[in-house]
Protein backbone atom coordinates (compact mmCIF):
# COMPACT_ATOMS: atom_id res chain seq x y z
CA GLY A 1 -22.74 10.05 -28.14
CA VAL A 2 -24.47 8.32 -25.64
CA VAL A 3 -22.56 6.79 -22.41
CA LYS A 4 -23.38 3.30 -22.10
CA CYS A 5 -21.10 2.30 -19.43
CA GLY A 6 -18.97 4.25 -17.10
CA VAL A 7 -18.30 8.18 -15.68
CA PRO A 8 -16.13 11.07 -17.63
CA GLN A 9 -13.13 10.67 -15.91
CA GLY A 10 -11.97 13.51 -13.31
CA SER A 11 -15.82 14.28 -12.64
CA VAL A 12 -16.73 15.12 -9.72
CA LEU A 13 -18.77 12.05 -9.00
CA GLY A 14 -16.72 9.55 -10.45
CA PRO A 15 -15.11 8.30 -7.35
CA LEU A 16 -18.74 7.62 -5.57
CA LEU A 17 -20.34 6.20 -8.45
CA PHE A 18 -17.31 3.66 -8.63
CA ASN A 19 -17.46 3.26 -5.10
CA ILE A 20 -21.32 2.58 -4.85
CA PHE A 21 -20.99 0.00 -8.37
CA ILE A 22 -17.68 -1.60 -6.80
CA ASN A 23 -19.43 -2.10 -3.59
CA ASP A 24 -21.53 -5.48 -3.82
CA LEU A 25 -17.65 -7.54 -5.18
CA PRO A 26 -17.18 -8.79 -1.57
CA LEU A 27 -20.62 -10.40 -1.43
CA HIS A 28 -19.18 -12.73 -4.63
CA ILE A 29 -16.14 -14.29 -2.73
CA THR A 30 -17.78 -17.67 -1.92
CA ASN A 31 -14.57 -18.55 0.31
CA SER A 32 -15.10 -17.76 3.96
CA LYS A 33 -11.37 -17.79 4.70
CA VAL A 34 -10.57 -14.69 2.19
CA VAL A 35 -11.54 -11.21 3.11
CA CYS A 36 -11.56 -8.93 0.85
CA ASP A 37 -10.50 -5.09 1.01
CA LEU A 38 -11.78 -2.09 -0.30
CA PHE A 39 -10.03 1.59 -0.78
CA ALA A 40 -11.50 3.60 -4.12
CA ASP A 41 -9.41 1.67 -7.07
CA ASP A 42 -7.37 0.12 -5.01
CA ASN A 43 -8.59 -3.93 -3.79
CA SER A 44 -6.85 -6.33 -1.90
CA ILE A 45 -7.58 -10.06 -0.95
CA HIS A 46 -6.10 -11.85 1.83
CA SER A 47 -6.14 -15.59 3.71
CA CYS A 48 -4.45 -16.89 6.40
CA GLY A 49 -3.18 -20.53 7.07
CA THR A 50 -0.74 -23.01 8.47
CA ASP A 51 0.67 -24.06 5.13
CA VAL A 52 1.24 -22.15 1.66
CA GLU A 53 -0.65 -25.00 -0.27
CA SER A 54 -3.85 -23.94 1.42
CA ILE A 55 -3.75 -20.30 1.30
CA GLN A 56 -2.74 -20.63 -2.50
CA CYS A 57 -6.25 -22.87 -3.20
CA CYS A 58 -8.21 -20.22 -1.11
CA LEU A 59 -6.86 -17.14 -2.77
CA GLN A 60 -6.72 -18.95 -6.42
CA GLU A 61 -11.04 -19.17 -6.15
CA SER A 62 -11.49 -15.93 -4.83
CA LEU A 63 -9.56 -14.91 -8.10
CA ASN A 64 -11.56 -16.69 -10.00
CA ASP A 65 -14.62 -15.03 -8.33
CA VAL A 66 -13.16 -11.49 -9.10
CA SER A 67 -12.76 -12.22 -12.40
CA LYS A 68 -16.26 -13.49 -12.91
CA TRP A 69 -17.78 -10.53 -10.96
CA CYS A 70 -15.47 -7.75 -13.49
CA HIS A 71 -16.25 -10.19 -16.59
CA GLN A 72 -19.78 -9.81 -15.83
CA ASN A 73 -19.72 -6.09 -14.65
CA ARG A 74 -17.54 -5.21 -17.53
CA MET A 75 -14.41 -4.30 -15.36
CA VAL A 76 -11.12 -4.90 -16.57
CA ILE A 77 -8.12 -5.61 -13.71
CA HIS A 78 -4.58 -4.73 -14.34
CA PRO A 79 -2.55 -7.93 -14.54
CA GLY A 80 0.23 -5.99 -14.46
CA LYS A 81 -0.58 -4.38 -11.19
CA THR A 82 -1.84 -7.56 -9.42
CA LYS A 83 0.58 -8.53 -7.42
CA SER A 84 1.24 -11.84 -4.47
CA MET A 85 2.91 -11.64 -1.70
CA VAL A 86 3.35 -14.27 1.66
CA VAL A 87 3.61 -12.87 4.97
CA ALA A 88 5.48 -15.29 7.76
CA ALA A 89 8.07 -14.72 10.17
CA ARG A 90 11.91 -15.19 8.70
CA GLN A 91 12.38 -18.78 10.08
CA LYS A 92 9.95 -19.49 7.72
CA HIS A 93 10.96 -18.42 4.51
CA GLN A 94 14.58 -19.62 5.69
CA LEU A 95 12.71 -22.91 6.07
CA LYS A 96 11.91 -23.24 2.26
CA PRO A 97 10.67 -20.98 -0.54
CA LEU A 98 6.93 -19.83 0.24
CA MET A 99 5.69 -19.64 -3.33
CA LEU A 100 2.06 -18.99 -4.58
CA LYS A 101 1.01 -19.74 -8.09
CA LEU A 102 -2.03 -17.73 -8.62
CA THR A 103 -3.07 -16.76 -12.21
CA LEU A 104 -5.62 -13.70 -12.76
CA GLY A 105 -6.59 -15.20 -16.46
CA THR A 106 -4.18 -16.27 -18.48
CA ASP A 107 -2.20 -14.26 -16.74
CA ILE A 108 0.66 -15.42 -13.78
CA VAL A 109 0.62 -13.06 -10.64
CA GLU A 110 3.78 -12.04 -9.75
CA GLN A 111 4.76 -12.50 -6.09
CA VAL A 112 6.59 -10.21 -4.61
CA ARG A 113 8.75 -9.03 -1.31
CA GLU A 114 7.58 -5.85 -0.96
CA HIS A 115 4.63 -4.09 -2.04
CA ARG A 116 3.42 -0.74 -1.79
CA VAL A 117 0.01 -0.56 0.12
CA LEU A 118 -2.09 3.22 0.50
CA GLY A 119 1.32 4.54 1.21
CA VAL A 120 2.53 2.43 3.40
CA THR A 121 5.58 -0.94 1.77
CA LEU A 122 4.91 -4.16 3.19
CA ASP A 123 7.45 -6.44 3.33
CA GLU A 124 7.11 -10.17 3.38
CA GLU A 125 8.19 -10.60 7.06
CA LEU A 126 7.25 -7.07 8.40
CA LYS A 127 10.51 -5.50 9.37
CA TRP A 128 9.33 -2.42 7.67
CA GLN A 129 12.92 -1.40 6.75
CA SER A 130 11.79 -0.63 3.02
CA HIS A 131 9.11 1.25 4.20
CA ILE A 132 10.74 3.41 7.00
CA ASP A 133 14.26 3.99 4.45
CA ASN A 134 11.36 5.95 1.83
CA VAL A 135 9.52 8.21 4.51
CA CYS A 136 13.57 8.70 5.16
CA LYS A 137 14.41 9.51 1.92
CA GLN A 138 11.13 11.81 1.39
CA LEU A 139 12.45 13.22 4.73
CA ALA A 140 15.96 14.35 3.43
CA ARG A 141 14.30 16.00 0.17
CA ASN A 142 11.61 18.05 1.69
CA LEU A 143 14.25 18.80 4.89
CA PHE A 144 17.28 20.40 2.06
CA LEU A 145 13.65 22.31 0.48
CA LEU A 146 12.89 23.84 4.36
CA GLY A 147 16.85 24.75 4.43
CA GLN A 148 16.76 26.46 0.52
CA LEU A 149 13.77 28.47 2.05
CA LYS A 150 15.14 29.72 5.51
CA PRO A 151 16.53 32.70 3.90
CA TYR A 152 13.11 33.89 2.42
CA VAL A 153 10.15 32.90 4.54
CA SER A 154 9.59 33.51 8.49
CA THR A 155 9.95 31.07 11.02
CA ASP A 156 6.27 30.54 11.75
CA CYS A 157 6.22 29.56 7.34
CA ARG A 158 9.06 27.47 7.73
CA LYS A 159 6.80 25.84 11.07
CA MET A 160 3.99 25.29 8.68
CA PHE A 161 6.51 23.27 6.46
CA PHE A 162 7.57 21.46 8.28
CA LYS A 163 4.58 20.10 9.75
CA ALA A 164 2.82 19.89 6.04
CA HIS A 165 5.40 17.87 4.43
CA ILE A 166 7.78 16.64 6.83
CA LEU A 167 5.91 15.67 10.10
CA ALA A 168 3.15 14.21 7.89
CA HIS A 169 5.33 11.73 6.53
CA ILE A 170 6.23 10.65 9.83
CA ASN A 171 3.07 10.53 11.62
CA TYR A 172 1.41 8.51 8.05
CA ALA A 173 0.05 5.25 9.20
CA SER A 174 2.61 5.22 11.81
CA THR A 175 1.11 3.12 14.35
CA VAL A 176 1.30 0.31 11.57
CA TRP A 177 4.74 0.53 11.09
CA SER A 178 6.11 1.70 14.48
CA SER A 179 6.09 -1.84 15.46
CA ALA A 180 9.52 -1.89 13.77
CA SER A 181 13.26 -2.33 15.73
CA GLU A 182 14.47 0.82 17.45
CA VAL A 183 17.39 0.75 14.72
CA HIS A 184 15.35 1.36 11.71
CA ILE A 185 13.22 3.96 13.90
CA LYS A 186 15.91 5.89 15.15
CA LYS A 187 16.40 6.99 11.61
CA THR A 188 13.43 8.81 11.16
CA LYS A 189 14.23 10.52 14.63
CA LEU A 190 17.36 11.39 13.51
CA SER A 191 16.47 13.09 9.96
CA SER A 192 13.60 14.82 11.64
CA GLN A 193 15.59 16.10 14.22
CA THR A 194 18.94 17.06 12.41
CA GLY A 195 16.54 19.01 10.08
CA SER A 196 14.78 20.75 12.58
CA LYS A 197 17.68 21.79 14.81
CA ALA A 198 19.51 23.38 11.15
CA ASN A 199 16.30 24.94 9.89
CA PHE A 200 14.84 26.73 13.34
CA THR A 201 18.06 27.79 15.14
């Protein structure tokens, strides 16, 4: 049959064609206080302000713009994967609940306290504890595998594994989350140092 819209999943040109197709989405967001970021098929809109009510108004207007663009271009937004979050200092969160009442068509947008964006877990206070905990879990899992490899492969091979599957997790987006408290940062240092000593001595 004739393909009237879309491209076959898994095609070589698929990602490029999708990026070309969606590239004009930010131009359809009319509110100047809202920024739209695109990365492959992940899109996020964000705004800042002194009160949550004005932010909510800006974001809702932009969500309506996005919905309109999607309808015109035969795109469907997954409501279950659409989340909202208020990032603010701990004192502001403690002072009063900072709630965003956003809707996407007839669906209510769930507000979360943390969310994974491009492999980095953001939390509402930018403490990075959840992200670092996730990194440490990955390190523990891969350090265990590295230990299992020790009797069977050379030191050079183990070093390659360490750089590809352990060091890569520590370095990924580290410029973003390295502002975490020293207590949290120490977790990753201890995990990597303990594992490397055990596997290379």
